Amino acid sequence: MTDLWPGKNLLGQWIAGTAVGSLQVVRTTGRLVLTDQRPAFRPLMFGENAGPFKLMFGLTNAVSGLDDHYPARVDITGVEAMNGSALMAVHLQTGGTRHSLVLRRRIGPVFSRKHAPYRDNAVQRISAAVDAVRK
């Protein structure tokens, strides 16, 4: 279950990673969630029973919590599938771009063509949500 901000409704979610620039290289894995107000990235969090890694994972969890600085749907000008099998770009009104990798599963090569249907589903659903705001 993905914890969201109070009052937000979940419209979709995908296993994803934040990309290093526009490369097919994963910086952080987790879930890309689409709410009624914005898409957001939720990093993989580790629980209380992390063993000897508890301190490291606890620090990671504190630093990389739910990204509430992700652009609202009204700030997005477009979403597109990029070259490669998992790469997706979210274009912003500021002229910037946020890149994500939408994955079929957490473990496996990011270059696999098996990710493309999942990425395409995310692109289509986020694009539809952005279009709905503009109407």
Protein backbone atom coordinates (compact mmCIF):
# COMPACT_ATOMS: atom_id res chain seq x y z
CA MET A 1 0.00 0.00 0.00
CA THR A 2 1.31 3.44 -0.84
CA ASP A 3 0.91 6.14 1.81
CA LEU A 4 -0.19 9.42 0.29
CA TRP A 5 -0.83 12.91 1.51
CA PRO A 6 -4.13 13.34 3.36
CA GLY A 7 -7.03 13.88 0.97
CA LYS A 8 -5.27 12.51 -2.13
CA ASN A 9 -6.77 9.72 -4.23
CA LEU A 10 -4.58 7.14 -5.94
CA LEU A 11 -5.25 6.89 -9.71
CA GLY A 12 -2.37 4.58 -10.66
CA GLN A 13 1.03 3.29 -9.61
CA TRP A 14 4.00 1.61 -11.25
CA ILE A 15 7.34 0.14 -10.18
CA ALA A 16 9.79 2.81 -11.21
CA GLY A 17 13.14 4.44 -10.72
CA THR A 18 14.39 7.98 -10.98
CA ALA A 19 16.72 8.29 -13.93
CA VAL A 20 20.16 9.86 -13.94
CA GLY A 21 19.48 12.69 -16.38
CA SER A 22 18.01 11.22 -19.55
CA LEU A 23 20.08 8.02 -19.28
CA GLN A 24 18.66 4.56 -18.72
CA VAL A 25 20.46 4.41 -15.38
CA VAL A 26 18.46 4.09 -12.15
CA ARG A 27 19.38 6.42 -9.29
CA THR A 28 16.64 5.40 -6.83
CA THR A 29 13.98 2.68 -7.13
CA GLY A 30 10.47 2.79 -5.74
CA ARG A 31 7.01 3.54 -7.12
CA LEU A 32 5.73 6.22 -9.43
CA VAL A 33 2.26 7.09 -8.14
CA LEU A 34 -0.40 9.14 -9.86
CA THR A 35 -2.82 10.97 -7.58
CA ASP A 36 -5.73 13.22 -8.39
CA GLN A 37 -3.36 16.21 -8.08
CA ARG A 38 0.10 15.09 -9.23
CA PRO A 39 2.37 12.23 -10.18
CA ALA A 40 4.93 11.61 -7.42
CA PHE A 41 7.84 9.28 -6.79
CA ARG A 42 7.77 7.12 -3.67
CA PRO A 43 11.24 5.63 -2.97
CA LEU A 44 11.58 2.05 -1.75
CA MET A 45 11.35 2.20 2.02
CA PHE A 46 12.77 -0.30 4.49
CA GLY A 47 10.94 -1.36 7.63
CA GLU A 48 11.86 -1.70 11.27
CA ASN A 49 13.45 -5.15 10.77
CA ALA A 50 16.28 -4.00 8.52
CA GLY A 51 18.86 -5.69 10.79
CA PRO A 52 22.36 -4.18 10.80
CA PHE A 53 21.39 -1.88 7.94
CA LYS A 54 18.62 -0.19 9.96
CA LEU A 55 20.59 3.03 10.53
CA MET A 56 21.59 3.34 6.85
CA PHE A 57 18.08 2.53 5.60
CA GLY A 58 16.55 4.85 8.21
CA LEU A 59 18.66 7.73 6.94
CA THR A 60 17.77 6.85 3.35
CA ASN A 61 14.08 6.79 4.25
CA ALA A 62 14.30 10.18 5.94
CA VAL A 63 16.12 11.79 3.02
CA SER A 64 14.09 10.22 0.20
CA GLY A 65 10.50 10.27 1.46
CA LEU A 66 7.48 10.93 -0.71
CA ASP A 67 8.51 13.69 -3.12
CA ASP A 68 5.93 16.44 -2.57
CA HIS A 69 7.94 18.76 -4.81
CA TYR A 70 6.91 16.76 -7.87
CA PRO A 71 5.01 18.98 -10.30
CA ALA A 72 1.25 19.29 -10.06
CA ARG A 73 -0.68 18.12 -13.11
CA VAL A 74 -1.34 21.73 -14.10
CA ASP A 75 2.45 22.32 -14.33
CA ILE A 76 3.00 19.46 -16.80
CA THR A 77 2.98 20.25 -20.53
CA GLY A 78 3.47 16.72 -21.80
CA VAL A 79 4.55 13.16 -21.11
CA GLU A 80 6.40 10.99 -23.61
CA ALA A 81 8.00 7.60 -23.97
CA MET A 82 11.67 8.06 -24.74
CA ASN A 83 14.02 5.87 -26.73
CA GLY A 84 14.78 2.70 -24.84
CA SER A 85 12.40 0.34 -23.18
CA ALA A 86 11.67 1.96 -19.81
CA LEU A 87 12.51 5.68 -20.09
CA MET A 88 9.73 8.25 -19.73
CA ALA A 89 9.97 12.07 -19.77
CA VAL A 90 7.62 14.49 -18.00
CA HIS A 91 7.93 17.96 -19.57
CA LEU A 92 7.23 20.98 -17.37
CA GLN A 93 6.00 24.52 -18.03
CA THR A 94 9.32 25.79 -16.67
CA GLY A 95 11.07 24.14 -19.64
CA GLY A 96 12.57 21.42 -17.44
CA THR A 97 12.09 17.67 -17.77
CA ARG A 98 11.83 14.91 -15.16
CA HIS A 99 12.94 11.46 -16.33
CA SER A 100 11.75 8.19 -14.84
CA LEU A 101 12.20 4.55 -15.69
CA VAL A 102 8.96 2.56 -15.46
CA LEU A 103 9.78 -1.10 -14.85
CA ARG A 104 8.02 -4.41 -15.18
CA ARG A 105 9.63 -5.64 -11.96
CA ARG A 106 12.22 -4.35 -9.54
CA ILE A 107 14.99 -6.82 -10.37
CA GLY A 108 16.26 -7.14 -13.92
CA PRO A 109 17.98 -5.18 -16.65
CA VAL A 110 16.54 -1.73 -17.38
CA PHE A 111 17.22 -2.29 -21.10
CA SER A 112 14.66 -5.12 -21.39
CA ARG A 113 11.91 -4.52 -23.98
CA LYS A 114 9.49 -6.14 -21.51
CA HIS A 115 9.27 -2.81 -19.65
CA ALA A 116 7.80 -0.92 -22.63
CA PRO A 117 4.10 -1.87 -22.06
CA TYR A 118 4.31 -0.70 -18.43
CA ARG A 119 6.01 2.56 -19.42
CA ASP A 120 3.46 3.11 -22.20
CA ASN A 121 0.62 2.54 -19.72
CA ALA A 122 2.10 5.14 -17.36
CA VAL A 123 2.58 7.63 -20.22
CA GLN A 124 -1.02 7.16 -21.40
CA ARG A 125 -2.58 7.44 -17.93
CA ILE A 126 -0.52 10.44 -16.81
CA SER A 127 -1.19 12.16 -20.17
CA ALA A 128 -4.93 11.55 -19.75
CA ALA A 129 -4.82 13.00 -16.22
CA VAL A 130 -2.95 16.08 -17.47
CA ASP A 131 -5.44 16.52 -20.34
CA ALA A 132 -8.36 16.28 -17.90
CA VAL A 133 -7.02 19.28 -15.96
CA ARG A 134 -6.83 21.37 -19.12
CA LYS A 135 -10.51 20.83 -19.99
